[in-house]
């Protein structure tokens, strides 16, 4: 099976099982941007706890742009890398106000120019906020795409480019969200539940012996 055909089959089965929903809670465009920044090396569940307090204490971009750095650090500390993340959020709020009239921009180039924003964050914003084709190459996406034989790469940018070639643009963003649900539910990093997986017949990561075991389970 060619990679494009494999990708289409995977996308269809994921559609049947999981919603195309982001786990991060956000009501405003910049809230999703900052929540995504906080999610680096941190669980979405923890980020949602932190952002509830973050956006309650500083309920606007203006407030965040003028936030006391130390107070901001204390609030985001549970997310890890708190000094860098707090600095990025404060500076990003300032840039959004000064250069973008308080709105999150809708191009990759403009997003990457924001403090602390990399391709993963930019792609999530482009897909979720603006409905543009986008591949969010997070740890779930990289791991699952590799196991399924959709990419031979582990570098996030290379994985992104590989998947853009074989997944229909209209399905790219939603598929990445479904990868997250699938990764948490079945295709975990350390102990994947292959016996419960609905993609075993498509997965080259399983040996024929293990595929038989999964089929019998």
N, C-alpha and C. Protein backbone atom coordinates (compact mmCIF):
# COMPACT_ATOMS: atom_id res chain seq x y z
N UNK A 1 0.85 -1.20 0.00
CA UNK A 1 0.00 0.00 0.00
C UNK A 1 0.88 1.24 0.00
N UNK A 2 0.62 2.16 -0.91
CA UNK A 2 1.37 3.40 -0.97
C UNK A 2 1.05 4.28 0.22
N UNK A 3 1.99 5.18 0.55
CA UNK A 3 1.82 6.00 1.75
C UNK A 3 0.56 6.84 1.69
N UNK A 4 0.23 7.36 0.53
CA UNK A 4 -0.97 8.19 0.42
C UNK A 4 -2.23 7.37 0.66
N UNK A 5 -2.25 6.15 0.17
CA UNK A 5 -3.39 5.27 0.39
C UNK A 5 -3.46 4.85 1.86
N UNK A 6 -2.30 4.57 2.44
CA UNK A 6 -2.25 4.22 3.85
C UNK A 6 -2.76 5.38 4.70
N UNK A 7 -2.31 6.58 4.38
CA UNK A 7 -2.74 7.76 5.13
C UNK A 7 -4.25 7.94 5.05
N UNK A 8 -4.82 7.74 3.88
CA UNK A 8 -6.26 7.90 3.70
C UNK A 8 -7.03 6.90 4.55
N UNK A 9 -6.52 5.66 4.61
CA UNK A 9 -7.18 4.63 5.41
C UNK A 9 -7.09 4.95 6.90
N UNK A 10 -5.92 5.41 7.34
CA UNK A 10 -5.74 5.78 8.74
C UNK A 10 -6.66 6.94 9.11
N UNK A 11 -6.68 7.96 8.27
CA UNK A 11 -7.52 9.14 8.52
C UNK A 11 -8.98 8.74 8.66
N UNK A 12 -9.46 7.88 7.78
CA UNK A 12 -10.87 7.48 7.82
C UNK A 12 -11.21 6.73 9.10
N UNK A 13 -10.33 5.83 9.52
CA UNK A 13 -10.62 5.07 10.74
C UNK A 13 -10.56 5.95 11.98
N UNK A 14 -9.62 6.89 12.00
CA UNK A 14 -9.55 7.82 13.12
C UNK A 14 -10.80 8.69 13.19
N UNK A 15 -11.32 9.07 12.03
CA UNK A 15 -12.55 9.87 11.97
C UNK A 15 -13.70 9.13 12.64
N UNK A 16 -13.74 7.83 12.46
CA UNK A 16 -14.83 7.03 12.97
C UNK A 16 -14.75 6.82 14.49
N UNK A 17 -13.59 7.08 15.07
CA UNK A 17 -13.37 6.79 16.49
C UNK A 17 -13.25 8.02 17.39
N UNK A 18 -12.64 9.09 16.85
CA UNK A 18 -12.28 10.20 17.74
C UNK A 18 -12.75 11.55 17.19
N UNK A 19 -13.07 12.47 18.09
CA UNK A 19 -13.43 13.83 17.67
C UNK A 19 -12.18 14.61 17.29
N UNK A 20 -12.37 15.60 16.46
CA UNK A 20 -11.24 16.47 16.08
C UNK A 20 -11.23 17.67 17.01
N UNK A 21 -10.93 17.40 18.27
CA UNK A 21 -11.01 18.45 19.28
C UNK A 21 -9.67 18.68 19.96
N UNK A 22 -9.41 19.95 20.26
CA UNK A 22 -8.21 20.33 20.99
C UNK A 22 -8.49 20.22 22.48
N UNK A 23 -7.55 19.68 23.22
CA UNK A 23 -7.74 19.50 24.67
C UNK A 23 -7.54 20.78 25.46
N UNK A 24 -6.91 21.77 24.86
CA UNK A 24 -6.65 23.03 25.56
C UNK A 24 -7.91 23.88 25.60
N UNK A 25 -8.18 24.47 26.76
CA UNK A 25 -9.36 25.31 26.94
C UNK A 25 -8.99 26.77 26.70
N UNK A 26 -9.71 27.41 25.78
CA UNK A 26 -9.45 28.82 25.48
C UNK A 26 -10.70 29.46 24.90
N UNK A 27 -10.94 30.70 25.28
CA UNK A 27 -12.10 31.44 24.77
C UNK A 27 -11.71 32.52 23.76
N UNK A 28 -10.48 32.99 23.84
CA UNK A 28 -10.02 34.06 22.96
C UNK A 28 -8.84 33.57 22.13
N UNK A 29 -8.58 34.26 21.03
CA UNK A 29 -7.50 33.81 20.14
C UNK A 29 -6.14 33.78 20.85
N UNK A 30 -5.84 34.81 21.61
CA UNK A 30 -4.54 34.85 22.28
C UNK A 30 -4.46 33.83 23.42
N UNK A 31 -5.61 33.48 23.99
CA UNK A 31 -5.61 32.47 25.05
C UNK A 31 -5.15 31.12 24.50
N UNK A 32 -5.61 30.76 23.31
CA UNK A 32 -5.16 29.51 22.70
C UNK A 32 -3.67 29.58 22.37
N UNK A 33 -3.22 30.71 21.91
CA UNK A 33 -1.81 30.90 21.60
C UNK A 33 -0.95 30.70 22.83
N UNK A 34 -1.33 31.31 23.94
CA UNK A 34 -0.52 31.22 25.17
C UNK A 34 -0.65 29.83 25.81
N UNK A 35 -1.83 29.26 25.72
CA UNK A 35 -2.01 27.91 26.28
C UNK A 35 -1.13 26.91 25.52
N UNK A 36 -1.04 27.07 24.22
CA UNK A 36 -0.19 26.19 23.42
C UNK A 36 1.27 26.38 23.78
N UNK A 37 1.66 27.62 24.03
CA UNK A 37 3.05 27.87 24.45
C UNK A 37 3.34 27.18 25.78
N UNK A 38 2.39 27.23 26.70
CA UNK A 38 2.58 26.60 28.00
C UNK A 38 2.61 25.08 27.91
N UNK A 39 2.03 24.52 26.86
CA UNK A 39 1.91 23.07 26.75
C UNK A 39 3.22 22.37 26.39
N UNK A 40 4.24 23.14 26.03
CA UNK A 40 5.54 22.53 25.71
C UNK A 40 6.07 21.79 26.94
N UNK A 41 6.31 20.48 26.78
CA UNK A 41 6.81 19.63 27.86
C UNK A 41 5.90 19.65 29.09
N UNK A 42 4.61 19.76 28.84
CA UNK A 42 3.62 19.79 29.92
C UNK A 42 2.32 19.21 29.40
N UNK A 43 1.55 18.58 30.28
CA UNK A 43 0.28 17.99 29.86
C UNK A 43 -0.78 19.07 29.66
N UNK A 44 -1.70 18.80 28.75
CA UNK A 44 -2.80 19.74 28.51
C UNK A 44 -3.65 19.91 29.77
N UNK A 45 -3.82 18.84 30.52
CA UNK A 45 -4.63 18.92 31.74
C UNK A 45 -4.04 19.92 32.72
N UNK A 46 -2.73 19.88 32.89
CA UNK A 46 -2.09 20.82 33.80
C UNK A 46 -2.17 22.25 33.25
N UNK A 47 -1.97 22.39 31.95
CA UNK A 47 -2.05 23.71 31.34
C UNK A 47 -3.43 24.32 31.57
N UNK A 48 -4.48 23.53 31.44
CA UNK A 48 -5.83 24.06 31.63
C UNK A 48 -6.07 24.55 33.05
N UNK A 49 -5.44 23.91 34.01
CA UNK A 49 -5.54 24.36 35.41
C UNK A 49 -4.83 25.70 35.57
N UNK A 50 -3.65 25.80 34.95
CA UNK A 50 -2.84 27.02 35.08
C UNK A 50 -3.49 28.18 34.35
N UNK A 51 -3.99 27.94 33.13
CA UNK A 51 -4.57 29.06 32.36
C UNK A 51 -5.85 29.59 32.99
N UNK A 52 -6.55 28.74 33.73
CA UNK A 52 -7.75 29.24 34.42
C UNK A 52 -7.38 30.37 35.37
N UNK A 53 -6.31 30.19 36.11
CA UNK A 53 -5.85 31.25 37.00
C UNK A 53 -5.18 32.38 36.23
N UNK A 54 -4.41 32.01 35.22
CA UNK A 54 -3.68 33.02 34.44
C UNK A 54 -4.62 34.05 33.83
N UNK A 55 -5.67 33.58 33.18
CA UNK A 55 -6.56 34.51 32.49
C UNK A 55 -7.58 35.15 33.43
N UNK A 56 -7.70 34.61 34.63
CA UNK A 56 -8.53 35.27 35.64
C UNK A 56 -7.78 36.46 36.24
N UNK A 57 -6.50 36.27 36.51
CA UNK A 57 -5.70 37.34 37.11
C UNK A 57 -5.35 38.43 36.11
N UNK A 58 -5.14 38.04 34.85
CA UNK A 58 -4.81 39.02 33.80
C UNK A 58 -5.79 38.79 32.65
N UNK A 59 -6.98 39.38 32.72
CA UNK A 59 -8.07 39.05 31.80
C UNK A 59 -8.01 39.73 30.42
N UNK A 60 -6.91 40.39 30.11
CA UNK A 60 -6.80 41.03 28.81
C UNK A 60 -5.34 41.03 28.35
N UNK A 61 -5.14 41.29 27.06
CA UNK A 61 -3.78 41.40 26.54
C UNK A 61 -3.03 42.54 27.20
N UNK A 62 -3.71 43.64 27.41
CA UNK A 62 -3.08 44.79 28.06
C UNK A 62 -2.57 44.41 29.45
N UNK A 63 -3.40 43.68 30.18
CA UNK A 63 -3.01 43.27 31.53
C UNK A 63 -1.80 42.34 31.49
N UNK A 64 -1.79 41.40 30.55
CA UNK A 64 -0.67 40.47 30.43
C UNK A 64 0.61 41.18 29.99
N UNK A 65 0.45 42.16 29.11
CA UNK A 65 1.62 42.91 28.64
C UNK A 65 2.27 43.70 29.76
N UNK A 66 1.49 44.06 30.77
CA UNK A 66 2.01 44.85 31.89
C UNK A 66 2.19 44.03 33.17
N UNK A 67 2.02 42.72 33.05
CA UNK A 67 2.09 41.86 34.23
C UNK A 67 3.46 41.91 34.89
N UNK A 68 3.48 41.83 36.20
CA UNK A 68 4.75 41.76 36.93
C UNK A 68 5.41 40.43 36.57
N UNK A 69 6.65 40.46 36.07
CA UNK A 69 7.31 39.23 35.62
C UNK A 69 7.37 38.13 36.69
N UNK A 70 7.66 38.52 37.91
CA UNK A 70 7.78 37.51 38.97
C UNK A 70 6.43 36.88 39.29
N UNK A 71 5.38 37.70 39.32
CA UNK A 71 4.04 37.17 39.59
C UNK A 71 3.61 36.22 38.46
N UNK A 72 3.94 36.61 37.24
CA UNK A 72 3.59 35.78 36.09
C UNK A 72 4.34 34.45 36.15
N UNK A 73 5.59 34.50 36.51
CA UNK A 73 6.39 33.28 36.65
C UNK A 73 5.78 32.34 37.69
N UNK A 74 5.33 32.89 38.79
CA UNK A 74 4.76 32.07 39.86
C UNK A 74 3.49 31.35 39.41
N UNK A 75 2.71 32.01 38.58
CA UNK A 75 1.46 31.40 38.12
C UNK A 75 1.73 30.27 37.12
N UNK A 76 2.67 30.48 36.19
CA UNK A 76 2.91 29.47 35.16
C UNK A 76 3.93 28.41 35.58
N UNK A 77 4.46 28.55 36.78
CA UNK A 77 5.51 27.64 37.26
C UNK A 77 5.14 26.16 37.16
N UNK A 78 3.90 25.75 37.45
CA UNK A 78 3.56 24.33 37.36
C UNK A 78 3.73 23.73 35.96
N UNK A 79 3.82 24.58 34.94
CA UNK A 79 3.97 24.09 33.57
C UNK A 79 5.42 23.80 33.20
N UNK A 80 6.36 24.15 34.09
CA UNK A 80 7.76 23.93 33.78
C UNK A 80 8.31 25.02 32.87
N UNK A 81 9.63 25.14 32.86
CA UNK A 81 10.30 26.18 32.05
C UNK A 81 9.63 27.52 32.26
N UNK A 82 9.27 27.80 33.50
CA UNK A 82 8.36 28.91 33.79
C UNK A 82 8.95 30.29 33.50
N UNK A 83 10.25 30.47 33.67
CA UNK A 83 10.83 31.79 33.41
C UNK A 83 10.76 32.13 31.92
N UNK A 84 11.11 31.17 31.10
CA UNK A 84 11.07 31.39 29.65
C UNK A 84 9.63 31.56 29.17
N UNK A 85 8.74 30.71 29.66
CA UNK A 85 7.34 30.78 29.22
C UNK A 85 6.68 32.08 29.67
N UNK A 86 6.94 32.50 30.89
CA UNK A 86 6.37 33.76 31.37
C UNK A 86 6.89 34.94 30.56
N UNK A 87 8.17 34.93 30.29
CA UNK A 87 8.77 36.00 29.47
C UNK A 87 8.14 36.03 28.09
N UNK A 88 7.98 34.85 27.47
CA UNK A 88 7.42 34.79 26.12
C UNK A 88 5.98 35.30 26.09
N UNK A 89 5.18 34.92 27.09
CA UNK A 89 3.79 35.36 27.13
C UNK A 89 3.70 36.88 27.26
N UNK A 90 4.49 37.42 28.15
CA UNK A 90 4.47 38.87 28.37
C UNK A 90 4.92 39.62 27.12
N UNK A 91 6.02 39.19 26.54
CA UNK A 91 6.54 39.85 25.34
C UNK A 91 5.61 39.67 24.15
N UNK A 92 5.03 38.48 24.05
CA UNK A 92 4.11 38.21 22.94
C UNK A 92 2.87 39.10 23.04
N UNK A 93 2.36 39.29 24.25
CA UNK A 93 1.22 40.18 24.44
C UNK A 93 1.55 41.59 23.98
N UNK A 94 2.76 42.02 24.30
CA UNK A 94 3.21 43.35 23.89
C UNK A 94 3.28 43.48 22.37
N UNK A 95 3.83 42.45 21.72
CA UNK A 95 3.97 42.48 20.26
C UNK A 95 2.59 42.44 19.58
N UNK A 96 1.69 41.64 20.11
CA UNK A 96 0.35 41.59 19.52
C UNK A 96 -0.34 42.95 19.58
N UNK A 97 -0.14 43.65 20.67
CA UNK A 97 -0.74 44.98 20.82
C UNK A 97 -0.06 46.01 19.93
N UNK A 98 1.26 45.95 19.86
CA UNK A 98 2.02 46.96 19.14
C UNK A 98 2.00 46.78 17.62
N UNK A 99 1.96 45.52 17.17
CA UNK A 99 2.11 45.27 15.73
C UNK A 99 0.89 44.66 15.06
N UNK A 100 -0.04 44.11 15.85
CA UNK A 100 -1.16 43.37 15.24
C UNK A 100 -2.52 43.81 15.76
N UNK A 101 -2.59 44.98 16.35
CA UNK A 101 -3.85 45.53 16.85
C UNK A 101 -4.55 44.58 17.81
N UNK A 102 -3.75 43.83 18.57
CA UNK A 102 -4.32 42.95 19.58
C UNK A 102 -4.91 41.66 19.04
N UNK A 103 -4.64 41.35 17.77
CA UNK A 103 -5.17 40.14 17.16
C UNK A 103 -4.04 39.17 16.84
N UNK A 104 -4.31 37.89 16.96
CA UNK A 104 -3.34 36.87 16.59
C UNK A 104 -3.28 36.81 15.06
N UNK A 105 -2.10 36.93 14.46
CA UNK A 105 -1.99 36.92 13.00
C UNK A 105 -2.29 35.55 12.41
N UNK A 106 -2.56 35.54 11.10
CA UNK A 106 -3.03 34.31 10.46
C UNK A 106 -2.07 33.77 9.39
N UNK A 107 -0.80 34.13 9.47
CA UNK A 107 0.17 33.56 8.54
C UNK A 107 1.32 32.93 9.32
N UNK A 108 1.92 31.91 8.73
CA UNK A 108 3.04 31.24 9.38
C UNK A 108 4.18 32.22 9.65
N UNK A 109 4.49 33.05 8.69
CA UNK A 109 5.60 33.99 8.84
C UNK A 109 5.38 34.93 10.02
N UNK A 110 4.19 35.48 10.15
CA UNK A 110 3.90 36.41 11.24
C UNK A 110 3.87 35.71 12.59
N UNK A 111 3.34 34.50 12.61
CA UNK A 111 3.27 33.75 13.87
C UNK A 111 4.66 33.39 14.36
N UNK A 112 5.53 32.95 13.45
CA UNK A 112 6.89 32.57 13.84
C UNK A 112 7.71 33.76 14.33
N UNK A 113 7.27 34.96 13.99
CA UNK A 113 7.98 36.17 14.43
C UNK A 113 7.59 36.56 15.87
N UNK A 114 6.57 35.90 16.42
CA UNK A 114 6.14 36.20 17.78
C UNK A 114 7.07 35.51 18.78
N UNK A 115 7.33 36.14 19.91
CA UNK A 115 8.20 35.54 20.93
C UNK A 115 7.71 34.17 21.38
N UNK A 116 8.59 33.18 21.32
CA UNK A 116 8.28 31.85 21.83
C UNK A 116 7.44 30.97 20.94
N UNK A 117 7.09 31.44 19.74
CA UNK A 117 6.22 30.66 18.86
C UNK A 117 7.05 29.90 17.84
N UNK A 118 6.93 28.57 17.85
CA UNK A 118 7.58 27.72 16.87
C UNK A 118 6.56 27.15 15.91
N UNK A 119 6.98 26.24 15.07
CA UNK A 119 6.09 25.71 14.03
C UNK A 119 4.92 24.92 14.62
N UNK A 120 5.16 24.19 15.71
CA UNK A 120 4.06 23.41 16.29
C UNK A 120 2.93 24.33 16.74
N UNK A 121 3.28 25.37 17.48
CA UNK A 121 2.28 26.33 17.94
C UNK A 121 1.63 27.04 16.77
N UNK A 122 2.45 27.48 15.83
CA UNK A 122 1.92 28.21 14.67
C UNK A 122 0.93 27.36 13.88
N UNK A 123 1.26 26.10 13.68
CA UNK A 123 0.36 25.23 12.93
C UNK A 123 -0.96 25.00 13.66
N UNK A 124 -0.90 24.83 14.98
CA UNK A 124 -2.13 24.65 15.72
C UNK A 124 -3.03 25.88 15.60
N UNK A 125 -2.42 27.05 15.69
CA UNK A 125 -3.19 28.30 15.56
C UNK A 125 -3.78 28.42 14.16
N UNK A 126 -2.98 28.14 13.14
CA UNK A 126 -3.48 28.24 11.76
C UNK A 126 -4.64 27.29 11.52
N UNK A 127 -4.54 26.09 12.07
CA UNK A 127 -5.61 25.11 11.87
C UNK A 127 -6.84 25.38 12.70
N UNK A 128 -6.65 25.62 14.00
CA UNK A 128 -7.79 25.75 14.90
C UNK A 128 -8.49 27.10 14.82
N UNK A 129 -7.71 28.16 14.69
CA UNK A 129 -8.31 29.50 14.66
C UNK A 129 -8.76 29.92 13.27
N UNK A 130 -7.99 29.51 12.26
CA UNK A 130 -8.25 30.04 10.92
C UNK A 130 -8.66 28.98 9.90
N UNK A 131 -8.73 27.73 10.33
CA UNK A 131 -9.21 26.68 9.43
C UNK A 131 -8.32 26.40 8.25
N UNK A 132 -7.04 26.67 8.39
CA UNK A 132 -6.10 26.44 7.30
C UNK A 132 -5.48 25.05 7.42
N UNK A 133 -5.04 24.47 6.29
CA UNK A 133 -4.34 23.19 6.37
C UNK A 133 -3.09 23.34 7.24
N UNK A 134 -2.91 22.42 8.18
CA UNK A 134 -1.79 22.54 9.10
C UNK A 134 -1.52 21.19 9.75
N UNK A 135 -0.25 20.86 9.89
CA UNK A 135 0.16 19.63 10.56
C UNK A 135 0.90 19.99 11.84
N UNK A 136 0.33 19.63 12.96
CA UNK A 136 0.94 19.90 14.26
C UNK A 136 1.80 18.68 14.63
N UNK A 137 3.09 18.79 14.41
CA UNK A 137 4.00 17.66 14.64
C UNK A 137 4.45 17.62 16.10
N UNK A 138 3.51 17.23 16.97
CA UNK A 138 3.85 17.08 18.38
C UNK A 138 4.35 15.65 18.63
N UNK A 139 4.58 15.31 19.88
CA UNK A 139 5.14 13.99 20.17
C UNK A 139 4.21 12.85 19.75
N UNK A 140 2.90 13.03 19.93
CA UNK A 140 1.95 12.00 19.51
C UNK A 140 2.01 11.81 17.99
N UNK A 141 1.97 12.91 17.27
CA UNK A 141 1.98 12.86 15.80
C UNK A 141 3.26 12.18 15.30
N UNK A 142 4.40 12.59 15.82
CA UNK A 142 5.67 12.03 15.37
C UNK A 142 5.75 10.53 15.66
N UNK A 143 5.35 10.14 16.87
CA UNK A 143 5.42 8.74 17.26
C UNK A 143 4.47 7.87 16.42
N UNK A 144 3.23 8.29 16.29
CA UNK A 144 2.22 7.49 15.60
C UNK A 144 2.49 7.44 14.10
N UNK A 145 2.83 8.56 13.52
CA UNK A 145 3.13 8.59 12.08
C UNK A 145 4.31 7.68 11.76
N UNK A 146 5.28 7.65 12.65
CA UNK A 146 6.44 6.78 12.45
C UNK A 146 6.07 5.32 12.57
N UNK A 147 5.30 4.98 13.59
CA UNK A 147 4.90 3.58 13.79
C UNK A 147 4.04 3.07 12.64
N UNK A 148 3.23 3.94 12.08
CA UNK A 148 2.35 3.54 10.98
C UNK A 148 3.04 3.55 9.63
N UNK A 149 4.28 4.02 9.60
CA UNK A 149 5.01 4.05 8.34
C UNK A 149 4.65 5.21 7.44
N UNK A 150 4.06 6.26 8.03
CA UNK A 150 3.71 7.44 7.24
C UNK A 150 4.90 8.38 7.06
N UNK A 151 5.93 8.20 7.86
CA UNK A 151 7.15 8.98 7.75
C UNK A 151 8.31 8.15 8.27
N UNK A 152 9.49 8.44 7.72
CA UNK A 152 10.71 7.80 8.21
C UNK A 152 11.52 8.75 9.06
N UNK A 153 10.97 9.93 9.30
CA UNK A 153 11.69 10.98 10.02
C UNK A 153 11.19 11.12 11.45
N UNK A 154 12.02 11.72 12.29
CA UNK A 154 11.62 12.06 13.65
C UNK A 154 11.76 13.56 13.92
N UNK A 155 12.42 14.26 13.04
CA UNK A 155 12.51 15.72 13.17
C UNK A 155 11.13 16.32 12.91
N UNK A 156 10.62 17.17 13.82
CA UNK A 156 9.25 17.69 13.68
C UNK A 156 8.95 18.35 12.34
N UNK A 157 9.87 19.18 11.85
CA UNK A 157 9.61 19.87 10.58
C UNK A 157 9.56 18.88 9.42
N UNK A 158 10.44 17.90 9.43
CA UNK A 158 10.45 16.90 8.36
C UNK A 158 9.19 16.04 8.41
N UNK A 159 8.75 15.69 9.63
CA UNK A 159 7.50 14.93 9.76
C UNK A 159 6.33 15.75 9.24
N UNK A 160 6.31 17.03 9.59
CA UNK A 160 5.25 17.93 9.10
C UNK A 160 5.20 17.92 7.59
N UNK A 161 6.34 18.08 6.95
CA UNK A 161 6.39 18.13 5.49
C UNK A 161 6.00 16.80 4.86
N UNK A 162 6.41 15.69 5.49
CA UNK A 162 6.04 14.37 4.97
C UNK A 162 4.53 14.17 5.00
N UNK A 163 3.91 14.55 6.11
CA UNK A 163 2.47 14.34 6.25
C UNK A 163 1.67 15.28 5.35
N UNK A 164 2.18 16.45 5.12
CA UNK A 164 1.49 17.39 4.23
C UNK A 164 1.39 16.83 2.81
N UNK A 165 2.34 15.99 2.44
CA UNK A 165 2.35 15.41 1.09
C UNK A 165 1.33 14.30 0.93
N UNK A 166 0.95 13.65 2.02
CA UNK A 166 0.11 12.44 1.88
C UNK A 166 -1.26 12.54 2.54
N UNK A 167 -1.49 13.55 3.37
CA UNK A 167 -2.80 13.73 3.99
C UNK A 167 -3.52 14.89 3.30
N UNK A 168 -4.75 14.67 2.94
CA UNK A 168 -5.53 15.71 2.27
C UNK A 168 -5.54 16.98 3.11
N UNK A 169 -5.32 18.14 2.49
CA UNK A 169 -5.26 19.39 3.24
C UNK A 169 -6.46 19.61 4.17
N UNK A 170 -7.64 19.20 3.73
CA UNK A 170 -8.84 19.41 4.55
C UNK A 170 -8.84 18.54 5.80
N UNK A 171 -8.02 17.48 5.82
CA UNK A 171 -7.99 16.56 6.96
C UNK A 171 -6.78 16.74 7.87
N UNK A 172 -5.83 17.57 7.49
CA UNK A 172 -4.56 17.63 8.20
C UNK A 172 -4.71 18.03 9.66
N UNK A 173 -5.33 19.15 9.91
CA UNK A 173 -5.44 19.64 11.29
C UNK A 173 -6.25 18.69 12.16
N UNK A 174 -7.39 18.23 11.65
CA UNK A 174 -8.24 17.33 12.43
C UNK A 174 -7.53 16.01 12.73
N UNK A 175 -6.76 15.51 11.77
CA UNK A 175 -6.05 14.25 11.98
C UNK A 175 -5.04 14.37 13.10
N UNK A 176 -4.37 15.50 13.19
CA UNK A 176 -3.39 15.70 14.26
C UNK A 176 -4.07 15.69 15.63
N UNK A 177 -5.25 16.27 15.74
CA UNK A 177 -6.00 16.20 17.00
C UNK A 177 -6.38 14.76 17.31
N UNK A 178 -6.76 14.03 16.28
CA UNK A 178 -7.15 12.63 16.48
C UNK A 178 -5.94 11.77 16.84
N UNK A 179 -4.77 12.11 16.32
CA UNK A 179 -3.55 11.41 16.74
C UNK A 179 -3.36 11.53 18.25
N UNK A 180 -3.64 12.71 18.79
CA UNK A 180 -3.48 12.92 20.23
C UNK A 180 -4.43 12.01 21.01
N UNK A 181 -5.70 11.96 20.61
CA UNK A 181 -6.66 11.09 21.28
C UNK A 181 -6.25 9.62 21.16
N UNK A 182 -5.83 9.22 19.97
CA UNK A 182 -5.41 7.85 19.72
C UNK A 182 -4.15 7.51 20.52
N UNK A 183 -3.23 8.46 20.61
CA UNK A 183 -2.00 8.24 21.36
C UNK A 183 -2.25 8.06 22.84
N UNK A 184 -3.18 8.82 23.38
CA UNK A 184 -3.51 8.71 24.80
C UNK A 184 -4.33 7.45 25.08
N UNK A 185 -5.16 7.09 24.14
CA UNK A 185 -6.09 5.99 24.34
C UNK A 185 -5.45 4.62 24.08
N UNK A 186 -4.68 4.51 23.01
CA UNK A 186 -4.15 3.22 22.58
C UNK A 186 -2.65 3.22 22.27
N UNK A 187 -2.22 4.12 21.42
CA UNK A 187 -0.85 4.07 20.91
C UNK A 187 0.10 4.89 21.78
N UNK A 188 0.20 4.48 23.04
CA UNK A 188 1.05 5.20 24.00
C UNK A 188 2.52 4.99 23.68
N UNK A 189 3.35 5.86 24.23
CA UNK A 189 4.78 5.80 23.93
C UNK A 189 5.43 4.53 24.47
N UNK A 190 5.16 4.19 25.72
CA UNK A 190 5.88 3.09 26.36
C UNK A 190 5.15 1.75 26.30
N UNK A 191 3.85 1.78 26.38
CA UNK A 191 3.11 0.51 26.41
C UNK A 191 1.88 0.60 25.52
N UNK A 192 2.06 0.59 24.20
CA UNK A 192 0.91 0.68 23.30
C UNK A 192 0.00 -0.54 23.46
N UNK A 193 -1.32 -0.30 23.39
CA UNK A 193 -2.29 -1.38 23.55
C UNK A 193 -2.62 -1.99 22.19
N UNK A 194 -1.65 -2.68 21.64
CA UNK A 194 -1.79 -3.21 20.29
C UNK A 194 -2.96 -4.18 20.17
N UNK A 195 -3.22 -4.93 21.22
CA UNK A 195 -4.32 -5.90 21.19
C UNK A 195 -5.68 -5.22 21.07
N UNK A 196 -5.76 -3.96 21.47
CA UNK A 196 -7.02 -3.22 21.40
C UNK A 196 -7.07 -2.26 20.22
N UNK A 197 -6.04 -2.29 19.40
CA UNK A 197 -5.92 -1.29 18.33
C UNK A 197 -6.74 -1.66 17.10
N UNK A 198 -7.37 -0.67 16.49
CA UNK A 198 -8.17 -0.88 15.28
C UNK A 198 -7.36 -0.58 14.01
N UNK A 199 -6.04 -0.40 14.17
CA UNK A 199 -5.19 -0.13 13.02
C UNK A 199 -4.11 -1.20 12.83
N UNK A 200 -4.24 -2.32 13.52
CA UNK A 200 -3.17 -3.32 13.49
C UNK A 200 -2.89 -3.84 12.08
N UNK A 201 -3.92 -3.98 11.26
CA UNK A 201 -3.71 -4.49 9.91
C UNK A 201 -2.99 -3.49 9.01
N UNK A 202 -2.96 -2.24 9.44
CA UNK A 202 -2.29 -1.19 8.67
C UNK A 202 -0.91 -0.85 9.22
N UNK A 203 -0.57 -1.42 10.36
CA UNK A 203 0.62 -0.97 11.10
C UNK A 203 1.85 -1.82 10.79
N UNK A 204 2.81 -1.28 10.05
CA UNK A 204 4.05 -2.01 9.77
C UNK A 204 4.95 -2.09 10.99
N UNK A 205 4.62 -1.32 12.03
CA UNK A 205 5.41 -1.35 13.25
C UNK A 205 5.21 -2.63 14.04
N UNK A 206 4.15 -3.39 13.71
CA UNK A 206 3.91 -4.68 14.35
C UNK A 206 4.47 -5.81 13.50
N UNK A 207 5.15 -6.73 14.12
CA UNK A 207 5.63 -7.90 13.41
C UNK A 207 4.43 -8.78 13.06
N UNK A 208 4.55 -9.66 12.03
CA UNK A 208 3.45 -10.56 11.71
C UNK A 208 2.99 -11.37 12.91
N UNK A 209 3.95 -11.79 13.74
CA UNK A 209 3.63 -12.57 14.94
C UNK A 209 2.75 -11.76 15.89
N UNK A 210 3.12 -10.51 16.11
CA UNK A 210 2.33 -9.66 17.00
C UNK A 210 0.99 -9.27 16.41
N UNK A 211 0.93 -9.16 15.08
CA UNK A 211 -0.34 -8.88 14.45
C UNK A 211 -1.32 -10.02 14.68
N UNK A 212 -0.81 -11.27 14.61
CA UNK A 212 -1.67 -12.42 14.87
C UNK A 212 -2.18 -12.42 16.30
N UNK A 213 -1.30 -12.06 17.23
CA UNK A 213 -1.69 -12.00 18.63
C UNK A 213 -2.78 -10.94 18.83
N UNK A 214 -2.59 -9.78 18.18
CA UNK A 214 -3.57 -8.70 18.31
C UNK A 214 -4.90 -9.11 17.72
N UNK A 215 -4.84 -9.85 16.59
CA UNK A 215 -6.07 -10.26 15.93
C UNK A 215 -6.87 -11.26 16.77
N UNK A 216 -6.16 -12.09 17.54
CA UNK A 216 -6.82 -13.09 18.36
C UNK A 216 -7.40 -12.52 19.65
N UNK A 217 -6.86 -11.39 20.08
CA UNK A 217 -7.26 -10.82 21.38
C UNK A 217 -8.71 -10.32 21.34
